[in-house]
């Protein structure tokens, strides 16, 4: 039984990760956008993307604090998004292929 439906993405959602607080989660989509949702308010809190997304997001991970979102893109890059500033803080671009999985320990 479906308890909640959160809308926003315009294409397939390919990855979902919970933040350590247990109330928020991030989604990765083929539409090139990472979205941050809050289950308590039943809504999107923020979204992270370039003005004109050129590649889908294939995987996501979060820092333990939830401040940084790691997003793996189909163009072989990983972008680190700062959830407080709403902007990228780093791009890791040395990968030789599509990123299918990200993890943070």
PDB file of N, CA and C in Angstrom:
ATOM      1  N   UNK A   1       0.836  -1.159   0.000  1.00  0.00           N
ATOM      2  CA  UNK A   1       0.000   0.000   0.000  1.00  0.00           C
ATOM      3  C   UNK A   1       0.894   1.241   0.000  1.00  0.00           C
ATOM      4  N   UNK A   2       0.601   2.166  -0.868  1.00  0.00           N
ATOM      5  CA  UNK A   2       1.349   3.409  -0.995  1.00  0.00           C
ATOM      6  C   UNK A   2       0.932   4.378   0.108  1.00  0.00           C
ATOM      7  N   UNK A   3       1.898   4.876   0.860  1.00  0.00           N
ATOM      8  CA  UNK A   3       1.623   5.837   1.930  1.00  0.00           C
ATOM      9  C   UNK A   3       1.806   7.275   1.472  1.00  0.00           C
ATOM     10  N   UNK A   4       2.729   7.468   0.522  1.00  0.00           N
ATOM     11  CA  UNK A   4       3.087   8.817   0.110  1.00  0.00           C
ATOM     12  C   UNK A   4       3.602   8.784  -1.319  1.00  0.00           C
ATOM     13  N   UNK A   5       3.257   9.768  -2.092  1.00  0.00           N
ATOM     14  CA  UNK A   5       3.825   9.940  -3.423  1.00  0.00           C
ATOM     15  C   UNK A   5       4.391  11.346  -3.501  1.00  0.00           C
ATOM     16  N   UNK A   6       5.675  11.423  -3.796  1.00  0.00           N
ATOM     17  CA  UNK A   6       6.338  12.719  -3.943  1.00  0.00           C
ATOM     18  C   UNK A   6       6.677  12.900  -5.412  1.00  0.00           C
ATOM     19  N   UNK A   7       6.289  14.001  -5.967  1.00  0.00           N
ATOM     20  CA  UNK A   7       6.460  14.234  -7.397  1.00  0.00           C
ATOM     21  C   UNK A   7       7.564  15.256  -7.653  1.00  0.00           C
ATOM     22  N   UNK A   8       8.022  15.287  -8.905  1.00  0.00           N
ATOM     23  CA  UNK A   8       9.014  16.281  -9.276  1.00  0.00           C
ATOM     24  C   UNK A   8       9.847  15.901 -10.474  1.00  0.00           C
ATOM     25  N   UNK A   9      10.355  14.680 -10.500  1.00  0.00           N
ATOM     26  CA  UNK A   9      11.227  14.287 -11.604  1.00  0.00           C
ATOM     27  C   UNK A   9      10.440  14.139 -12.898  1.00  0.00           C
ATOM     28  N   UNK A  10      11.102  14.479 -14.004  1.00  0.00           N
ATOM     29  CA  UNK A  10      10.486  14.387 -15.323  1.00  0.00           C
ATOM     30  C   UNK A  10      10.931  13.133 -16.078  1.00  0.00           C
ATOM     31  N   UNK A  11      11.749  12.300 -15.434  1.00  0.00           N
ATOM     32  CA  UNK A  11      12.234  11.069 -16.046  1.00  0.00           C
ATOM     33  C   UNK A  11      12.403  10.026 -14.944  1.00  0.00           C
ATOM     34  N   UNK A  12      12.926   8.851 -15.305  1.00  0.00           N
ATOM     35  CA  UNK A  12      13.055   7.759 -14.348  1.00  0.00           C
ATOM     36  C   UNK A  12      13.925   8.133 -13.157  1.00  0.00           C
ATOM     37  N   UNK A  13      13.502   7.724 -11.967  1.00  0.00           N
ATOM     38  CA  UNK A  13      14.327   7.831 -10.765  1.00  0.00           C
ATOM     39  C   UNK A  13      15.162   6.562 -10.711  1.00  0.00           C
ATOM     40  N   UNK A  14      16.494   6.721 -10.647  1.00  0.00           N
ATOM     41  CA  UNK A  14      17.382   5.565 -10.740  1.00  0.00           C
ATOM     42  C   UNK A  14      18.110   5.242  -9.436  1.00  0.00           C
ATOM     43  N   UNK A  15      18.061   6.137  -8.451  1.00  0.00           N
ATOM     44  CA  UNK A  15      18.706   5.871  -7.166  1.00  0.00           C
ATOM     45  C   UNK A  15      18.054   6.725  -6.087  1.00  0.00           C
ATOM     46  N   UNK A  16      17.974   6.161  -4.887  1.00  0.00           N
ATOM     47  CA  UNK A  16      17.424   6.852  -3.725  1.00  0.00           C
ATOM     48  C   UNK A  16      18.299   6.528  -2.532  1.00  0.00           C
ATOM     49  N   UNK A  17      18.666   7.551  -1.750  1.00  0.00           N
ATOM     50  CA  UNK A  17      19.459   7.338  -0.538  1.00  0.00           C
ATOM     51  C   UNK A  17      18.873   8.167   0.606  1.00  0.00           C
ATOM     52  N   UNK A  18      18.748   7.530   1.778  1.00  0.00           N
ATOM     53  CA  UNK A  18      18.292   8.217   2.982  1.00  0.00           C
ATOM     54  C   UNK A  18      19.454   8.963   3.621  1.00  0.00           C
ATOM     55  N   UNK A  19      19.172  10.140   4.172  1.00  0.00           N
ATOM     56  CA  UNK A  19      20.142  10.844   4.996  1.00  0.00           C
ATOM     57  C   UNK A  19      20.110  10.232   6.392  1.00  0.00           C
ATOM     58  N   UNK A  20      21.171  10.431   7.141  1.00  0.00           N
ATOM     59  CA  UNK A  20      21.294   9.791   8.458  1.00  0.00           C
ATOM     60  C   UNK A  20      20.249  10.268   9.465  1.00  0.00           C
ATOM     61  N   UNK A  21      19.603  11.419   9.220  1.00  0.00           N
ATOM     62  CA  UNK A  21      18.586  11.901  10.160  1.00  0.00           C
ATOM     63  C   UNK A  21      17.288  11.091  10.090  1.00  0.00           C
ATOM     64  N   UNK A  22      17.122  10.289   9.037  1.00  0.00           N
ATOM     65  CA  UNK A  22      15.939   9.443   8.897  1.00  0.00           C
ATOM     66  C   UNK A  22      14.703  10.157   8.387  1.00  0.00           C
ATOM     67  N   UNK A  23      14.777  11.458   8.148  1.00  0.00           N
ATOM     68  CA  UNK A  23      13.627  12.229   7.687  1.00  0.00           C
ATOM     69  C   UNK A  23      13.754  12.710   6.248  1.00  0.00           C
ATOM     70  N   UNK A  24      14.974  12.720   5.737  1.00  0.00           N
ATOM     71  CA  UNK A  24      15.217  13.238   4.394  1.00  0.00           C
ATOM     72  C   UNK A  24      15.846  12.172   3.521  1.00  0.00           C
ATOM     73  N   UNK A  25      15.579  12.269   2.227  1.00  0.00           N
ATOM     74  CA  UNK A  25      16.248  11.392   1.274  1.00  0.00           C
ATOM     75  C   UNK A  25      16.509  12.152  -0.014  1.00  0.00           C
ATOM     76  N   UNK A  26      17.498  11.669  -0.768  1.00  0.00           N
ATOM     77  CA  UNK A  26      17.834  12.270  -2.058  1.00  0.00           C
ATOM     78  C   UNK A  26      17.527  11.274  -3.158  1.00  0.00           C
ATOM     79  N   UNK A  27      17.183  11.805  -4.325  1.00  0.00           N
ATOM     80  CA  UNK A  27      16.894  10.978  -5.483  1.00  0.00           C
ATOM     81  C   UNK A  27      17.754  11.414  -6.662  1.00  0.00           C
ATOM     82  N   UNK A  28      18.127  10.437  -7.474  1.00  0.00           N
ATOM     83  CA  UNK A  28      18.860  10.685  -8.715  1.00  0.00           C
ATOM     84  C   UNK A  28      17.954  10.291  -9.865  1.00  0.00           C
ATOM     85  N   UNK A  29      17.999  11.082 -10.936  1.00  0.00           N
ATOM     86  CA  UNK A  29      17.100  10.816 -12.049  1.00  0.00           C
ATOM     87  C   UNK A  29      17.790  11.005 -13.394  1.00  0.00           C
ATOM     88  N   UNK A  30      17.241  10.324 -14.384  1.00  0.00           N
ATOM     89  CA  UNK A  30      17.707  10.497 -15.760  1.00  0.00           C
ATOM     90  C   UNK A  30      17.446  11.904 -16.283  1.00  0.00           C
ATOM     91  N   UNK A  31      16.646  12.694 -15.566  1.00  0.00           N
ATOM     92  CA  UNK A  31      16.398  14.072 -16.001  1.00  0.00           C
ATOM     93  C   UNK A  31      17.556  15.015 -15.653  1.00  0.00           C
ATOM     94  N   UNK A  32      18.596  14.481 -14.973  1.00  0.00           N
ATOM     95  CA  UNK A  32      19.778  15.273 -14.655  1.00  0.00           C
ATOM     96  C   UNK A  32      19.669  16.081 -13.374  1.00  0.00           C
ATOM     97  N   UNK A  33      18.651  15.796 -12.589  1.00  0.00           N
ATOM     98  CA  UNK A  33      18.416  16.566 -11.363  1.00  0.00           C
ATOM     99  C   UNK A  33      18.486  15.660 -10.142  1.00  0.00           C
ATOM    100  N   UNK A  34      19.131  16.154  -9.091  1.00  0.00           N
ATOM    101  CA  UNK A  34      19.129  15.515  -7.776  1.00  0.00           C
ATOM    102  C   UNK A  34      18.131  16.302  -6.927  1.00  0.00           C
ATOM    103  N   UNK A  35      17.240  15.590  -6.266  1.00  0.00           N
ATOM    104  CA  UNK A  35      16.238  16.266  -5.436  1.00  0.00           C
ATOM    105  C   UNK A  35      16.346  15.781  -3.995  1.00  0.00           C
ATOM    106  N   UNK A  36      16.132  16.708  -3.070  1.00  0.00           N
ATOM    107  CA  UNK A  36      16.141  16.421  -1.635  1.00  0.00           C
ATOM    108  C   UNK A  36      14.712  16.556  -1.127  1.00  0.00           C
ATOM    109  N   UNK A  37      14.206  15.500  -0.501  1.00  0.00           N
ATOM    110  CA  UNK A  37      12.830  15.472  -0.013  1.00  0.00           C
ATOM    111  C   UNK A  37      12.797  15.324   1.501  1.00  0.00           C
ATOM    112  N   UNK A  38      11.708  15.778   2.100  1.00  0.00           N
ATOM    113  CA  UNK A  38      11.456  15.626   3.529  1.00  0.00           C
ATOM    114  C   UNK A  38      10.141  14.868   3.689  1.00  0.00           C
ATOM    115  N   UNK A  39      10.170  13.728   4.371  1.00  0.00           N
ATOM    116  CA  UNK A  39       8.950  12.923   4.519  1.00  0.00           C
ATOM    117  C   UNK A  39       7.993  13.508   5.550  1.00  0.00           C
ATOM    118  N   UNK A  40       8.493  14.338   6.457  1.00  0.00           N
ATOM    119  CA  UNK A  40       7.607  14.950   7.458  1.00  0.00           C
ATOM    120  C   UNK A  40       6.693  15.987   6.826  1.00  0.00           C
ATOM    121  N   UNK A  41       7.224  16.751   5.881  1.00  0.00           N
ATOM    122  CA  UNK A  41       6.416  17.797   5.241  1.00  0.00           C
ATOM    123  C   UNK A  41       5.817  17.337   3.919  1.00  0.00           C
ATOM    124  N   UNK A  42       6.150  16.122   3.505  1.00  0.00           N
ATOM    125  CA  UNK A  42       5.644  15.567   2.243  1.00  0.00           C
ATOM    126  C   UNK A  42       5.992  16.432   1.043  1.00  0.00           C
ATOM    127  N   UNK A  43       7.201  16.986   1.018  1.00  0.00           N
ATOM    128  CA  UNK A  43       7.548  17.841  -0.109  1.00  0.00           C
ATOM    129  C   UNK A  43       9.047  17.861  -0.389  1.00  0.00           C
ATOM    130  N   UNK A  44       9.339  18.387  -1.554  1.00  0.00           N
ATOM    131  CA  UNK A  44      10.718  18.599  -1.957  1.00  0.00           C
ATOM    132  C   UNK A  44      11.278  19.799  -1.197  1.00  0.00           C
ATOM    133  N   UNK A  45      12.513  19.643  -0.703  1.00  0.00           N
ATOM    134  CA  UNK A  45      13.176  20.742  -0.007  1.00  0.00           C
ATOM    135  C   UNK A  45      14.023  21.544  -0.979  1.00  0.00           C
ATOM    136  N   UNK A  46      14.730  20.834  -1.836  1.00  0.00           N
ATOM    137  CA  UNK A  46      15.638  21.508  -2.752  1.00  0.00           C
ATOM    138  C   UNK A  46      15.948  20.601  -3.931  1.00  0.00           C
ATOM    139  N   UNK A  47      16.514  21.200  -4.978  1.00  0.00           N
ATOM    140  CA  UNK A  47      17.000  20.426  -6.115  1.00  0.00           C
ATOM    141  C   UNK A  47      18.349  20.967  -6.542  1.00  0.00           C
ATOM    142  N   UNK A  48      19.151  20.071  -7.098  1.00  0.00           N
ATOM    143  CA  UNK A  48      20.523  20.395  -7.464  1.00  0.00           C
ATOM    144  C   UNK A  48      20.758  19.986  -8.908  1.00  0.00           C
ATOM    145  N   UNK A  49      21.028  20.982  -9.748  1.00  0.00           N
ATOM    146  CA  UNK A  49      21.310  20.699 -11.148  1.00  0.00           C
ATOM    147  C   UNK A  49      21.903  21.939 -11.787  1.00  0.00           C
ATOM    148  N   UNK A  50      22.491  21.723 -12.935  1.00  0.00           N
ATOM    149  CA  UNK A  50      22.930  22.861 -13.729  1.00  0.00           C
ATOM    150  C   UNK A  50      21.724  23.473 -14.402  1.00  0.00           C
ATOM    151  N   UNK A  51      21.866  24.698 -14.862  1.00  0.00           N
ATOM    152  CA  UNK A  51      20.743  25.384 -15.497  1.00  0.00           C
ATOM    153  C   UNK A  51      20.168  24.567 -16.649  1.00  0.00           C
ATOM    154  N   UNK A  52      21.057  23.952 -17.425  1.00  0.00           N
ATOM    155  CA  UNK A  52      20.645  23.089 -18.528  1.00  0.00           C
ATOM    156  C   UNK A  52      21.317  21.733 -18.359  1.00  0.00           C
ATOM    157  N   UNK A  53      20.683  20.797 -17.638  1.00  0.00           N
ATOM    158  CA  UNK A  53      21.307  19.484 -17.431  1.00  0.00           C
ATOM    159  C   UNK A  53      21.623  18.799 -18.759  1.00  0.00           C
ATOM    160  N   UNK A  54      22.854  18.293 -18.878  1.00  0.00           N
ATOM    161  CA  UNK A  54      23.259  17.637 -20.118  1.00  0.00           C
ATOM    162  C   UNK A  54      23.447  16.143 -19.958  1.00  0.00           C
ATOM    163  N   UNK A  55      23.380  15.654 -18.720  1.00  0.00           N
ATOM    164  CA  UNK A  55      23.555  14.223 -18.483  1.00  0.00           C
ATOM    165  C   UNK A  55      22.660  13.802 -17.326  1.00  0.00           C
ATOM    166  N   UNK A  56      22.193  12.561 -17.382  1.00  0.00           N
ATOM    167  CA  UNK A  56      21.399  12.034 -16.291  1.00  0.00           C
ATOM    168  C   UNK A  56      22.262  11.749 -15.077  1.00  0.00           C
ATOM    169  N   UNK A  57      21.620  11.644 -13.925  1.00  0.00           N
ATOM    170  CA  UNK A  57      22.309  11.289 -12.686  1.00  0.00           C
ATOM    171  C   UNK A  57      22.089   9.802 -12.465  1.00  0.00           C
ATOM    172  N   UNK A  58      23.174   9.047 -12.375  1.00  0.00           N
ATOM    173  CA  UNK A  58      23.056   7.589 -12.274  1.00  0.00           C
ATOM    174  C   UNK A  58      23.121   7.072 -10.847  1.00  0.00           C
ATOM    175  N   UNK A  59      23.669   7.848  -9.919  1.00  0.00           N
ATOM    176  CA  UNK A  59      23.762   7.395  -8.535  1.00  0.00           C
ATOM    177  C   UNK A  59      23.997   8.574  -7.602  1.00  0.00           C
ATOM    178  N   UNK A  60      23.599   8.394  -6.337  1.00  0.00           N
ATOM    179  CA  UNK A  60      23.807   9.419  -5.320  1.00  0.00           C
ATOM    180  C   UNK A  60      24.276   8.793  -4.015  1.00  0.00           C
ATOM    181  N   UNK A  61      24.963   9.599  -3.224  1.00  0.00           N
ATOM    182  CA  UNK A  61      25.357   9.239  -1.864  1.00  0.00           C
ATOM    183  C   UNK A  61      25.409  10.540  -1.077  1.00  0.00           C
ATOM    184  N   UNK A  62      25.404  10.439   0.244  1.00  0.00           N
ATOM    185  CA  UNK A  62      25.472  11.634   1.069  1.00  0.00           C
ATOM    186  C   UNK A  62      26.576  11.489   2.106  1.00  0.00           C
ATOM    187  N   UNK A  63      27.118  12.626   2.522  1.00  0.00           N
ATOM    188  CA  UNK A  63      28.073  12.612   3.628  1.00  0.00           C
ATOM    189  C   UNK A  63      27.312  12.230   4.899  1.00  0.00           C
ATOM    190  N   UNK A  64      28.035  11.816   5.925  1.00  0.00           N
ATOM    191  CA  UNK A  64      27.380  11.408   7.164  1.00  0.00           C
ATOM    192  C   UNK A  64      26.555  12.535   7.781  1.00  0.00           C
ATOM    193  N   UNK A  65      27.008  13.770   7.632  1.00  0.00           N
ATOM    194  CA  UNK A  65      26.276  14.913   8.173  1.00  0.00           C
ATOM    195  C   UNK A  65      25.078  15.300   7.308  1.00  0.00           C
ATOM    196  N   UNK A  66      25.089  14.862   6.041  1.00  0.00           N
ATOM    197  CA  UNK A  66      24.037  15.239   5.105  1.00  0.00           C
ATOM    198  C   UNK A  66      24.311  16.563   4.408  1.00  0.00           C
ATOM    199  N   UNK A  67      25.413  17.189   4.730  1.00  0.00           N
ATOM    200  CA  UNK A  67      25.723  18.505   4.130  1.00  0.00           C
ATOM    201  C   UNK A  67      26.104  18.380   2.663  1.00  0.00           C
ATOM    202  N   UNK A  68      26.818  17.302   2.297  1.00  0.00           N
ATOM    203  CA  UNK A  68      27.293  17.123   0.927  1.00  0.00           C
ATOM    204  C   UNK A  68      26.562  15.960   0.262  1.00  0.00           C
ATOM    205  N   UNK A  69      26.083  16.201  -0.957  1.00  0.00           N
ATOM    206  CA  UNK A  69      25.512  15.146  -1.789  1.00  0.00           C
ATOM    207  C   UNK A  69      26.514  14.842  -2.897  1.00  0.00           C
ATOM    208  N   UNK A  70      26.844  13.580  -3.052  1.00  0.00           N
ATOM    209  CA  UNK A  70      27.716  13.119  -4.132  1.00  0.00           C
ATOM    210  C   UNK A  70      26.809  12.602  -5.236  1.00  0.00           C
ATOM    211  N   UNK A  71      26.914  13.170  -6.422  1.00  0.00           N
ATOM    212  CA  UNK A  71      26.050  12.770  -7.535  1.00  0.00           C
ATOM    213  C   UNK A  71      26.910  12.285  -8.697  1.00  0.00           C
ATOM    214  N   UNK A  72      26.700  11.037  -9.108  1.00  0.00           N
ATOM    215  CA  UNK A  72      27.412  10.470 -10.246  1.00  0.00           C
ATOM    216  C   UNK A  72      26.592  10.649 -11.509  1.00  0.00           C
ATOM    217  N   UNK A  73      27.199  11.242 -12.525  1.00  0.00           N
ATOM    218  CA  UNK A  73      26.492  11.574 -13.754  1.00  0.00           C
ATOM    219  C   UNK A  73      26.881  10.648 -14.911  1.00  0.00           C
ATOM    220  N   UNK A  74      25.994  10.558 -15.880  1.00  0.00           N
ATOM    221  CA  UNK A  74      26.235   9.728 -17.058  1.00  0.00           C
ATOM    222  C   UNK A  74      27.390  10.238 -17.916  1.00  0.00           C
ATOM    223  N   UNK A  75      27.843  11.466 -17.672  1.00  0.00           N
ATOM    224  CA  UNK A  75      28.983  12.009 -18.422  1.00  0.00           C
ATOM    225  C   UNK A  75      30.313  11.695 -17.735  1.00  0.00           C
ATOM    226  N   UNK A  76      30.297  10.747 -16.770  1.00  0.00           N
ATOM    227  CA  UNK A  76      31.468  10.218 -16.062  1.00  0.00           C
ATOM    228  C   UNK A  76      31.967  11.111 -14.937  1.00  0.00           C
ATOM    229  N   UNK A  77      31.263  12.162 -14.592  1.00  0.00           N
ATOM    230  CA  UNK A  77      31.678  13.070 -13.520  1.00  0.00           C
ATOM    231  C   UNK A  77      30.924  12.785 -12.231  1.00  0.00           C
ATOM    232  N   UNK A  78      31.558  13.119 -11.108  1.00  0.00           N
ATOM    233  CA  UNK A  78      30.891  13.146  -9.812  1.00  0.00           C
ATOM    234  C   UNK A  78      30.905  14.598  -9.357  1.00  0.00           C
ATOM    235  N   UNK A  79      29.735  15.117  -9.044  1.00  0.00           N
ATOM    236  CA  UNK A  79      29.638  16.488  -8.558  1.00  0.00           C
ATOM    237  C   UNK A  79      29.251  16.442  -7.082  1.00  0.00           C
ATOM    238  N   UNK A  80      29.962  17.203  -6.269  1.00  0.00           N
ATOM    239  CA  UNK A  80      29.660  17.324  -4.851  1.00  0.00           C
ATOM    240  C   UNK A  80      28.839  18.592  -4.658  1.00  0.00           C
ATOM    241  N   UNK A  81      27.588  18.418  -4.230  1.00  0.00           N
ATOM    242  CA  UNK A  81      26.668  19.531  -4.027  1.00  0.00           C
ATOM    243  C   UNK A  81      26.592  19.847  -2.544  1.00  0.00           C
ATOM    244  N   UNK A  82      26.706  21.121  -2.196  1.00  0.00           N
ATOM    245  CA  UNK A  82      26.550  21.581  -0.823  1.00  0.00           C
ATOM    246  C   UNK A  82      25.063  21.852  -0.604  1.00  0.00           C
ATOM    247  N   UNK A  83      24.445  21.133   0.344  1.00  0.00           N
ATOM    248  CA  UNK A  83      23.000  21.253   0.532  1.00  0.00           C
ATOM    249  C   UNK A  83      22.595  22.578   1.167  1.00  0.00           C
ATOM    250  N   UNK A  84      23.504  23.232   1.875  1.00  0.00           N
ATOM    251  CA  UNK A  84      23.174  24.531   2.467  1.00  0.00           C
ATOM    252  C   UNK A  84      23.327  25.672   1.471  1.00  0.00           C
ATOM    253  N   UNK A  85      24.372  25.600   0.664  1.00  0.00           N
ATOM    254  CA  UNK A  85      24.613  26.652  -0.326  1.00  0.00           C
ATOM    255  C   UNK A  85      23.810  26.440  -1.608  1.00  0.00           C
ATOM    256  N   UNK A  86      23.447  25.172  -1.894  1.00  0.00           N
ATOM    257  CA  UNK A  86      22.707  24.859  -3.105  1.00  0.00           C
ATOM    258  C   UNK A  86      23.543  24.929  -4.363  1.00  0.00           C
ATOM    259  N   UNK A  87      24.842  24.778  -4.224  1.00  0.00           N
ATOM    260  CA  UNK A  87      25.729  24.866  -5.386  1.00  0.00           C
ATOM    261  C   UNK A  87      26.819  23.805  -5.320  1.00  0.00           C
ATOM    262  N   UNK A  88      27.435  23.518  -6.467  1.00  0.00           N
ATOM    263  CA  UNK A  88      28.506  22.521  -6.468  1.00  0.00           C
ATOM    264  C   UNK A  88      29.753  23.064  -5.782  1.00  0.00           C
ATOM    265  N   UNK A  89      30.422  22.196  -5.023  1.00  0.00           N
ATOM    266  CA  UNK A  89      31.657  22.593  -4.352  1.00  0.00           C
ATOM    267  C   UNK A  89      32.874  21.895  -4.942  1.00  0.00           C
ATOM    268  N   UNK A  90      32.645  20.856  -5.746  1.00  0.00           N
ATOM    269  CA  UNK A  90      33.751  20.153  -6.401  1.00  0.00           C
ATOM    270  C   UNK A  90      33.207  19.274  -7.516  1.00  0.00           C
ATOM    271  N   UNK A  91      34.080  19.028  -8.500  1.00  0.00           N
ATOM    272  CA  UNK A  91      33.765  18.095  -9.583  1.00  0.00           C
ATOM    273  C   UNK A  91      34.925  17.114  -9.673  1.00  0.00           C
ATOM    274  N   UNK A  92      34.603  15.828  -9.593  1.00  0.00           N
ATOM    275  CA  UNK A  92      35.604  14.768  -9.744  1.00  0.00           C
ATOM    276  C   UNK A  92      35.436  14.212 -11.153  1.00  0.00           C
ATOM    277  N   UNK A  93      36.443  14.417 -11.997  1.00  0.00           N
ATOM    278  CA  UNK A  93      36.244  14.150 -13.425  1.00  0.00           C
ATOM    279  C   UNK A  93      37.222  13.158 -14.035  1.00  0.00           C
ATOM    280  N   UNK A  94      37.836  12.322 -13.254  1.00  0.00           N
ATOM    281  CA  UNK A  94      38.842  11.398 -13.786  1.00  0.00           C
ATOM    282  C   UNK A  94      38.293  10.006 -14.121  1.00  0.00           C
ATOM    283  N   UNK A  95      36.989   9.809 -14.013  1.00  0.00           N
ATOM    284  CA  UNK A  95      36.425   8.487 -14.290  1.00  0.00           C
ATOM    285  C   UNK A  95      36.421   8.210 -15.794  1.00  0.00           C
ATOM    286  N   UNK A  96      36.577   6.942 -16.122  1.00  0.00           N
ATOM    287  CA  UNK A  96      36.658   6.528 -17.524  1.00  0.00           C
ATOM    288  C   UNK A  96      35.337   5.957 -18.058  1.00  0.00           C
ATOM    289  N   UNK A  97      34.315   5.946 -17.228  1.00  0.00           N
ATOM    290  CA  UNK A  97      33.038   5.396 -17.657  1.00  0.00           C
ATOM    291  C   UNK A  97      31.918   5.867 -16.739  1.00  0.00           C
ATOM    292  N   UNK A  98      30.712   5.464 -17.068  1.00  0.00           N
ATOM    293  CA  UNK A  98      29.528   5.828 -16.303  1.00  0.00           C
ATOM    294  C   UNK A  98      29.624   5.305 -14.864  1.00  0.00           C
ATOM    295  N   UNK A  99      29.209   6.110 -13.919  1.00  0.00           N
ATOM    296  CA  UNK A  99      29.215   5.715 -12.516  1.00  0.00           C
ATOM    297  C   UNK A  99      27.895   5.028 -12.181  1.00  0.00           C
ATOM    298  N   UNK A 100      27.960   3.792 -11.771  1.00  0.00           N
ATOM    299  CA  UNK A 100      26.727   3.054 -11.488  1.00  0.00           C
ATOM    300  C   UNK A 100      26.430   2.944 -10.001  1.00  0.00           C
ATOM    301  N   UNK A 101      27.413   3.278  -9.152  1.00  0.00           N
ATOM    302  CA  UNK A 101      27.198   3.147  -7.716  1.00  0.00           C
ATOM    303  C   UNK A 101      28.162   4.069  -6.972  1.00  0.00           C
ATOM    304  N   UNK A 102      27.651   4.743  -5.955  1.00  0.00           N
ATOM    305  CA  UNK A 102      28.467   5.594  -5.083  1.00  0.00           C
ATOM    306  C   UNK A 102      28.206   5.195  -3.648  1.00  0.00           C
ATOM    307  N   UNK A 103      29.249   5.276  -2.823  1.00  0.00           N
ATOM    308  CA  UNK A 103      29.092   5.006  -1.400  1.00  0.00           C
ATOM    309  C   UNK A 103      30.046   5.872  -0.610  1.00  0.00           C
ATOM    310  N   UNK A 104      29.624   6.254   0.584  1.00  0.00           N
ATOM    311  CA  UNK A 104      30.454   7.057   1.467  1.00  0.00           C
ATOM    312  C   UNK A 104      30.520   6.341   2.803  1.00  0.00           C
ATOM    313  N   UNK A 105      31.729   6.122   3.277  1.00  0.00           N
ATOM    314  CA  UNK A 105      31.913   5.466   4.593  1.00  0.00           C
ATOM    315  C   UNK A 105      32.403   6.453   5.623  1.00  0.00           C
TER     316      UNK A 105
END
